[in-house]
């Protein structure tokens, strides 16, 4: 089992005791909480970086629009956009990194939710089996 991203199916639970399954359920709940906190933090950073990037791009577009090329002609719209993009390449890198991290943590949460559903299903089966054995 990958420590950071556990991927299990029902066969992995065959050798576990009910107590171990419950412990794993608690582990998943903790992991889910941590993942949601991480996602929230990255979403906040991503939104702020996106705003900073949009503001800086606008500022750089305005600057380059007011400038002339060496031949005295004005820059084309595409040239202005390209120059603004070059000027903000560090922000673009940070923006891209944060966008990827948001998607990674969303995926992590989906995996944990799927694992939690599987554990709940196994726990219900174990309880049902134990109740049937008592009768």
N, C-alpha and C. Protein backbone atom coordinates (compact mmCIF):
# COMPACT_ATOMS: atom_id res chain seq x y z
N UNK A 1 0.86 -1.18 0.00
CA UNK A 1 0.00 0.00 0.00
C UNK A 1 0.90 1.23 0.00
N UNK A 2 0.65 2.14 -0.92
CA UNK A 2 1.38 3.40 -0.97
C UNK A 2 0.99 4.23 0.24
N UNK A 3 1.98 4.62 1.04
CA UNK A 3 1.71 5.34 2.30
C UNK A 3 0.94 6.64 2.08
N UNK A 4 1.28 7.38 1.03
CA UNK A 4 0.66 8.68 0.81
C UNK A 4 -0.67 8.60 0.09
N UNK A 5 -0.81 7.64 -0.80
CA UNK A 5 -2.03 7.51 -1.58
C UNK A 5 -2.48 6.06 -1.57
N UNK A 6 -3.12 5.62 -0.48
CA UNK A 6 -3.49 4.21 -0.40
C UNK A 6 -4.57 3.86 -1.42
N UNK A 7 -4.32 2.80 -2.15
CA UNK A 7 -5.29 2.28 -3.10
C UNK A 7 -5.55 0.83 -2.72
N UNK A 8 -6.73 0.57 -2.25
CA UNK A 8 -7.07 -0.77 -1.79
C UNK A 8 -8.32 -1.26 -2.48
N UNK A 9 -8.46 -2.57 -2.54
CA UNK A 9 -9.74 -3.13 -2.97
C UNK A 9 -10.16 -4.14 -1.89
N UNK A 10 -11.31 -4.75 -2.07
CA UNK A 10 -11.87 -5.60 -1.01
C UNK A 10 -10.94 -6.75 -0.63
N UNK A 11 -10.14 -7.24 -1.55
CA UNK A 11 -9.23 -8.36 -1.23
C UNK A 11 -8.22 -7.96 -0.16
N UNK A 12 -7.84 -6.67 -0.12
CA UNK A 12 -6.88 -6.21 0.87
C UNK A 12 -7.43 -6.28 2.29
N UNK A 13 -8.75 -6.36 2.44
CA UNK A 13 -9.36 -6.37 3.76
C UNK A 13 -9.56 -7.79 4.30
N UNK A 14 -9.34 -8.80 3.47
CA UNK A 14 -9.62 -10.17 3.89
C UNK A 14 -8.81 -10.59 5.10
N UNK A 15 -7.58 -10.13 5.21
CA UNK A 15 -6.70 -10.55 6.30
C UNK A 15 -6.79 -9.62 7.51
N UNK A 16 -7.58 -8.58 7.44
CA UNK A 16 -7.67 -7.62 8.53
C UNK A 16 -8.77 -8.00 9.52
N UNK A 17 -8.52 -7.70 10.76
CA UNK A 17 -9.54 -7.92 11.79
C UNK A 17 -10.50 -6.73 11.77
N UNK A 18 -11.67 -6.88 12.39
CA UNK A 18 -12.60 -5.75 12.46
C UNK A 18 -11.97 -4.52 13.11
N UNK A 19 -11.15 -4.73 14.13
CA UNK A 19 -10.49 -3.60 14.82
C UNK A 19 -9.53 -2.90 13.85
N UNK A 20 -8.79 -3.68 13.09
CA UNK A 20 -7.86 -3.08 12.12
C UNK A 20 -8.61 -2.30 11.05
N UNK A 21 -9.75 -2.81 10.64
CA UNK A 21 -10.57 -2.10 9.64
C UNK A 21 -11.07 -0.78 10.22
N UNK A 22 -11.52 -0.82 11.47
CA UNK A 22 -11.98 0.43 12.11
C UNK A 22 -10.84 1.42 12.26
N UNK A 23 -9.66 0.92 12.61
CA UNK A 23 -8.48 1.80 12.72
C UNK A 23 -8.16 2.42 11.36
N UNK A 24 -8.29 1.62 10.32
CA UNK A 24 -8.03 2.15 8.97
C UNK A 24 -9.08 3.20 8.60
N UNK A 25 -10.32 2.98 9.02
CA UNK A 25 -11.38 3.97 8.76
C UNK A 25 -11.03 5.30 9.44
N UNK A 26 -10.56 5.22 10.70
CA UNK A 26 -10.15 6.44 11.41
C UNK A 26 -8.98 7.13 10.70
N UNK A 27 -8.04 6.32 10.24
CA UNK A 27 -6.89 6.84 9.49
C UNK A 27 -7.38 7.60 8.24
N UNK A 28 -8.33 7.01 7.53
CA UNK A 28 -8.85 7.66 6.33
C UNK A 28 -9.56 8.97 6.66
N UNK A 29 -10.28 9.00 7.75
CA UNK A 29 -10.96 10.24 8.16
C UNK A 29 -9.92 11.33 8.44
N UNK A 30 -8.85 10.97 9.15
CA UNK A 30 -7.78 11.95 9.41
C UNK A 30 -7.13 12.41 8.11
N UNK A 31 -6.85 11.47 7.23
CA UNK A 31 -6.22 11.81 5.95
C UNK A 31 -7.13 12.72 5.12
N UNK A 32 -8.41 12.42 5.14
CA UNK A 32 -9.37 13.24 4.40
C UNK A 32 -9.41 14.66 4.96
N UNK A 33 -9.42 14.78 6.27
CA UNK A 33 -9.40 16.11 6.89
C UNK A 33 -8.15 16.89 6.51
N UNK A 34 -6.99 16.24 6.57
CA UNK A 34 -5.74 16.90 6.20
C UNK A 34 -5.75 17.29 4.72
N UNK A 35 -6.25 16.40 3.89
CA UNK A 35 -6.29 16.69 2.45
C UNK A 35 -7.20 17.87 2.16
N UNK A 36 -8.33 17.94 2.85
CA UNK A 36 -9.25 19.06 2.64
C UNK A 36 -8.64 20.37 3.11
N UNK A 37 -7.87 20.32 4.21
CA UNK A 37 -7.17 21.53 4.67
C UNK A 37 -6.12 21.96 3.66
N UNK A 38 -5.36 21.00 3.16
CA UNK A 38 -4.34 21.32 2.15
C UNK A 38 -4.98 21.91 0.90
N UNK A 39 -6.07 21.29 0.45
CA UNK A 39 -6.76 21.79 -0.73
C UNK A 39 -7.22 23.22 -0.50
N UNK A 40 -7.81 23.47 0.63
CA UNK A 40 -8.31 24.81 0.94
C UNK A 40 -7.18 25.83 0.90
N UNK A 41 -6.05 25.48 1.50
CA UNK A 41 -4.89 26.38 1.50
C UNK A 41 -4.39 26.65 0.09
N UNK A 42 -4.27 25.60 -0.71
CA UNK A 42 -3.80 25.77 -2.09
C UNK A 42 -4.81 26.54 -2.94
N UNK A 43 -6.11 26.32 -2.69
CA UNK A 43 -7.12 27.08 -3.43
C UNK A 43 -7.03 28.57 -3.12
N UNK A 44 -6.78 28.89 -1.87
CA UNK A 44 -6.62 30.29 -1.47
C UNK A 44 -5.40 30.90 -2.14
N UNK A 45 -4.28 30.19 -2.08
CA UNK A 45 -3.05 30.67 -2.73
C UNK A 45 -3.23 30.81 -4.23
N UNK A 46 -3.90 29.83 -4.82
CA UNK A 46 -4.14 29.84 -6.26
C UNK A 46 -4.99 31.06 -6.65
N UNK A 47 -6.05 31.32 -5.91
CA UNK A 47 -6.92 32.45 -6.22
C UNK A 47 -6.15 33.77 -6.08
N UNK A 48 -5.33 33.90 -5.05
CA UNK A 48 -4.56 35.12 -4.86
C UNK A 48 -3.53 35.29 -5.98
N UNK A 49 -2.88 34.20 -6.34
CA UNK A 49 -1.88 34.26 -7.41
C UNK A 49 -2.54 34.59 -8.74
N UNK A 50 -3.73 34.03 -8.98
CA UNK A 50 -4.46 34.33 -10.21
C UNK A 50 -4.80 35.82 -10.28
N UNK A 51 -5.24 36.38 -9.16
CA UNK A 51 -5.55 37.82 -9.10
C UNK A 51 -4.29 38.64 -9.33
N UNK A 52 -3.21 38.27 -8.65
CA UNK A 52 -1.94 38.98 -8.82
C UNK A 52 -1.47 38.93 -10.27
N UNK A 53 -1.61 37.75 -10.88
CA UNK A 53 -1.20 37.57 -12.26
C UNK A 53 -2.03 38.44 -13.21
N UNK A 54 -3.33 38.42 -13.03
CA UNK A 54 -4.21 39.24 -13.88
C UNK A 54 -3.87 40.72 -13.75
N UNK A 55 -3.65 41.17 -12.51
CA UNK A 55 -3.30 42.58 -12.29
C UNK A 55 -1.96 42.94 -12.92
N UNK A 56 -0.99 42.08 -12.73
CA UNK A 56 0.34 42.36 -13.29
C UNK A 56 0.32 42.28 -14.82
N UNK A 57 -0.42 41.33 -15.37
CA UNK A 57 -0.53 41.26 -16.84
C UNK A 57 -1.16 42.55 -17.38
N UNK A 58 -2.20 43.03 -16.72
CA UNK A 58 -2.85 44.28 -17.17
C UNK A 58 -1.87 45.45 -17.10
N UNK A 59 -1.14 45.50 -16.00
CA UNK A 59 -0.15 46.57 -15.84
C UNK A 59 0.93 46.51 -16.91
N UNK A 60 1.40 45.31 -17.20
CA UNK A 60 2.46 45.14 -18.22
C UNK A 60 1.92 45.40 -19.63
N UNK A 61 0.67 45.03 -19.88
CA UNK A 61 0.06 45.32 -21.18
C UNK A 61 -0.02 46.83 -21.39
N UNK A 62 -0.46 47.53 -20.36
CA UNK A 62 -0.56 49.00 -20.45
C UNK A 62 0.81 49.60 -20.71
N UNK A 63 1.80 49.12 -20.00
CA UNK A 63 3.16 49.64 -20.19
C UNK A 63 3.64 49.43 -21.62
N UNK A 64 3.54 48.19 -22.10
CA UNK A 64 4.06 47.89 -23.45
C UNK A 64 3.21 48.54 -24.54
N UNK A 65 1.93 48.75 -24.28
CA UNK A 65 1.08 49.43 -25.27
C UNK A 65 1.50 50.88 -25.45
N UNK A 66 2.06 51.47 -24.43
CA UNK A 66 2.48 52.87 -24.50
C UNK A 66 3.89 53.03 -25.06
N UNK A 67 4.57 51.92 -25.27
CA UNK A 67 5.94 51.95 -25.79
C UNK A 67 5.95 51.75 -27.31
N UNK A 68 7.03 52.18 -27.91
CA UNK A 68 7.21 51.97 -29.35
C UNK A 68 8.38 51.01 -29.56
N UNK A 69 8.31 50.30 -30.68
CA UNK A 69 9.43 49.43 -31.04
C UNK A 69 10.62 50.29 -31.45
N UNK A 70 11.76 49.65 -31.67
CA UNK A 70 12.97 50.39 -32.06
C UNK A 70 12.79 51.10 -33.40
N UNK A 71 11.92 50.58 -34.25
CA UNK A 71 11.71 51.22 -35.56
C UNK A 71 10.67 52.35 -35.48
N UNK A 72 10.18 52.64 -34.25
CA UNK A 72 9.25 53.74 -34.08
C UNK A 72 7.79 53.35 -34.19
N UNK A 73 7.51 52.16 -34.65
CA UNK A 73 6.12 51.71 -34.78
C UNK A 73 5.62 51.18 -33.44
N UNK A 74 4.31 51.16 -33.30
CA UNK A 74 3.71 50.61 -32.10
C UNK A 74 3.76 49.08 -32.14
N UNK A 75 3.78 48.51 -30.95
CA UNK A 75 3.71 47.05 -30.87
C UNK A 75 2.33 46.58 -31.29
N UNK A 76 2.27 45.41 -31.90
CA UNK A 76 0.97 44.82 -32.22
C UNK A 76 0.36 44.28 -30.92
N UNK A 77 -0.93 43.98 -30.97
CA UNK A 77 -1.61 43.43 -29.79
C UNK A 77 -0.91 42.14 -29.35
N UNK A 78 -0.56 41.29 -30.30
CA UNK A 78 0.10 40.03 -29.96
C UNK A 78 1.48 40.28 -29.35
N UNK A 79 2.21 41.25 -29.87
CA UNK A 79 3.53 41.56 -29.30
C UNK A 79 3.40 42.08 -27.87
N UNK A 80 2.40 42.92 -27.64
CA UNK A 80 2.16 43.43 -26.29
C UNK A 80 1.85 42.26 -25.35
N UNK A 81 1.01 41.36 -25.80
CA UNK A 81 0.65 40.18 -24.99
C UNK A 81 1.88 39.33 -24.71
N UNK A 82 2.69 39.10 -25.73
CA UNK A 82 3.91 38.30 -25.57
C UNK A 82 4.88 38.94 -24.58
N UNK A 83 5.07 40.25 -24.70
CA UNK A 83 5.97 40.96 -23.78
C UNK A 83 5.45 40.91 -22.34
N UNK A 84 4.16 41.08 -22.18
CA UNK A 84 3.57 41.02 -20.84
C UNK A 84 3.75 39.62 -20.25
N UNK A 85 3.59 38.61 -21.10
CA UNK A 85 3.76 37.22 -20.64
C UNK A 85 5.20 36.96 -20.22
N UNK A 86 6.14 37.47 -20.98
CA UNK A 86 7.55 37.32 -20.64
C UNK A 86 7.85 38.02 -19.31
N UNK A 87 7.31 39.22 -19.15
CA UNK A 87 7.55 39.99 -17.93
C UNK A 87 6.99 39.30 -16.69
N UNK A 88 5.98 38.48 -16.86
CA UNK A 88 5.32 37.85 -15.71
C UNK A 88 5.58 36.34 -15.65
N UNK A 89 6.67 35.90 -16.23
CA UNK A 89 6.91 34.45 -16.31
C UNK A 89 7.04 33.79 -14.94
N UNK A 90 7.56 34.49 -13.96
CA UNK A 90 7.67 33.89 -12.62
C UNK A 90 6.27 33.69 -12.03
N UNK A 91 5.41 34.70 -12.17
CA UNK A 91 4.03 34.55 -11.68
C UNK A 91 3.30 33.45 -12.43
N UNK A 92 3.54 33.34 -13.73
CA UNK A 92 2.90 32.27 -14.51
C UNK A 92 3.34 30.90 -14.00
N UNK A 93 4.62 30.78 -13.65
CA UNK A 93 5.11 29.51 -13.12
C UNK A 93 4.45 29.16 -11.80
N UNK A 94 4.35 30.15 -10.91
CA UNK A 94 3.69 29.93 -9.62
C UNK A 94 2.22 29.59 -9.82
N UNK A 95 1.57 30.30 -10.72
CA UNK A 95 0.16 30.06 -11.03
C UNK A 95 -0.04 28.62 -11.53
N UNK A 96 0.80 28.19 -12.45
CA UNK A 96 0.69 26.84 -13.01
C UNK A 96 0.94 25.78 -11.94
N UNK A 97 1.92 26.02 -11.08
CA UNK A 97 2.23 25.07 -10.01
C UNK A 97 1.05 24.95 -9.05
N UNK A 98 0.47 26.07 -8.66
CA UNK A 98 -0.66 26.04 -7.73
C UNK A 98 -1.89 25.41 -8.36
N UNK A 99 -2.10 25.66 -9.64
CA UNK A 99 -3.23 25.04 -10.34
C UNK A 99 -3.08 23.52 -10.32
N UNK A 100 -1.87 23.05 -10.56
CA UNK A 100 -1.62 21.60 -10.54
C UNK A 100 -1.81 21.04 -9.14
N UNK A 101 -1.34 21.75 -8.11
CA UNK A 101 -1.50 21.27 -6.74
C UNK A 101 -2.98 21.19 -6.35
N UNK A 102 -3.77 22.16 -6.77
CA UNK A 102 -5.21 22.10 -6.49
C UNK A 102 -5.81 20.84 -7.11
N UNK A 103 -5.45 20.56 -8.35
CA UNK A 103 -5.98 19.37 -9.02
C UNK A 103 -5.49 18.09 -8.36
N UNK A 104 -4.23 18.07 -7.94
CA UNK A 104 -3.67 16.89 -7.25
C UNK A 104 -4.42 16.62 -5.96
N UNK A 105 -4.67 17.67 -5.18
CA UNK A 105 -5.36 17.49 -3.90
C UNK A 105 -6.83 17.13 -4.10
N UNK A 106 -7.45 17.63 -5.16
CA UNK A 106 -8.82 17.20 -5.47
C UNK A 106 -8.83 15.71 -5.78
N UNK A 107 -7.85 15.26 -6.54
CA UNK A 107 -7.73 13.84 -6.85
C UNK A 107 -7.49 13.01 -5.60
N UNK A 108 -6.64 13.51 -4.73
CA UNK A 108 -6.34 12.82 -3.47
C UNK A 108 -7.62 12.66 -2.64
N UNK A 109 -8.40 13.72 -2.57
CA UNK A 109 -9.67 13.67 -1.82
C UNK A 109 -10.61 12.65 -2.43
N UNK A 110 -10.69 12.60 -3.75
CA UNK A 110 -11.55 11.61 -4.41
C UNK A 110 -11.11 10.19 -4.09
N UNK A 111 -9.80 9.95 -4.07
CA UNK A 111 -9.28 8.62 -3.74
C UNK A 111 -9.66 8.27 -2.30
N UNK A 112 -9.45 9.22 -1.39
CA UNK A 112 -9.76 8.96 0.01
C UNK A 112 -11.25 8.72 0.22
N UNK A 113 -12.09 9.45 -0.50
CA UNK A 113 -13.54 9.24 -0.38
C UNK A 113 -13.91 7.85 -0.90
N UNK A 114 -13.32 7.45 -1.99
CA UNK A 114 -13.59 6.11 -2.53
C UNK A 114 -13.13 5.04 -1.54
N UNK A 115 -11.96 5.25 -0.95
CA UNK A 115 -11.46 4.30 0.04
C UNK A 115 -12.39 4.25 1.26
N UNK A 116 -12.86 5.41 1.68
CA UNK A 116 -13.78 5.47 2.83
C UNK A 116 -15.06 4.71 2.54
N UNK A 117 -15.58 4.87 1.33
CA UNK A 117 -16.79 4.14 0.94
C UNK A 117 -16.55 2.63 1.00
N UNK A 118 -15.40 2.21 0.52
CA UNK A 118 -15.06 0.80 0.53
C UNK A 118 -14.94 0.28 1.97
N UNK A 119 -14.28 1.04 2.82
CA UNK A 119 -14.13 0.63 4.22
C UNK A 119 -15.49 0.55 4.91
N UNK A 120 -16.34 1.54 4.66
CA UNK A 120 -17.69 1.50 5.24
C UNK A 120 -18.43 0.24 4.80
N UNK A 121 -18.30 -0.08 3.53
CA UNK A 121 -18.97 -1.27 3.00
C UNK A 121 -18.44 -2.53 3.69
N UNK A 122 -17.14 -2.62 3.85
CA UNK A 122 -16.54 -3.78 4.51
C UNK A 122 -16.98 -3.85 5.97
N UNK A 123 -17.02 -2.68 6.64
CA UNK A 123 -17.44 -2.66 8.04
C UNK A 123 -18.88 -3.15 8.19
N UNK A 124 -19.75 -2.75 7.29
CA UNK A 124 -21.15 -3.22 7.33
C UNK A 124 -21.19 -4.72 7.11
N UNK A 125 -20.41 -5.21 6.16
CA UNK A 125 -20.38 -6.67 5.91
C UNK A 125 -19.88 -7.42 7.13
N UNK A 126 -18.86 -6.89 7.79
CA UNK A 126 -18.31 -7.55 8.98
C UNK A 126 -19.35 -7.57 10.10
N UNK A 127 -20.02 -6.44 10.31
CA UNK A 127 -21.05 -6.38 11.35
C UNK A 127 -22.19 -7.36 11.06
N UNK A 128 -22.62 -7.37 9.82
CA UNK A 128 -23.70 -8.28 9.43
C UNK A 128 -23.28 -9.73 9.64
N UNK A 129 -22.06 -10.04 9.26
CA UNK A 129 -21.55 -11.40 9.43
C UNK A 129 -21.46 -11.77 10.90
N UNK A 130 -20.97 -10.84 11.72
CA UNK A 130 -20.87 -11.09 13.17
C UNK A 130 -22.25 -11.29 13.80
N UNK A 131 -23.23 -10.51 13.37
CA UNK A 131 -24.60 -10.65 13.90
C UNK A 131 -25.20 -11.99 13.51
N UNK A 132 -24.92 -12.42 12.28
CA UNK A 132 -25.44 -13.72 11.81
C UNK A 132 -24.78 -14.86 12.59
N UNK A 133 -23.50 -14.72 12.91
CA UNK A 133 -22.79 -15.77 13.66
C UNK A 133 -23.32 -15.89 15.08
N UNK A 134 -23.78 -14.77 15.65
CA UNK A 134 -24.31 -14.79 17.01
C UNK A 134 -25.67 -15.48 17.08
N UNK A 135 -26.42 -15.41 16.00
CA UNK A 135 -27.77 -15.99 15.98
C UNK A 135 -27.70 -17.43 15.66
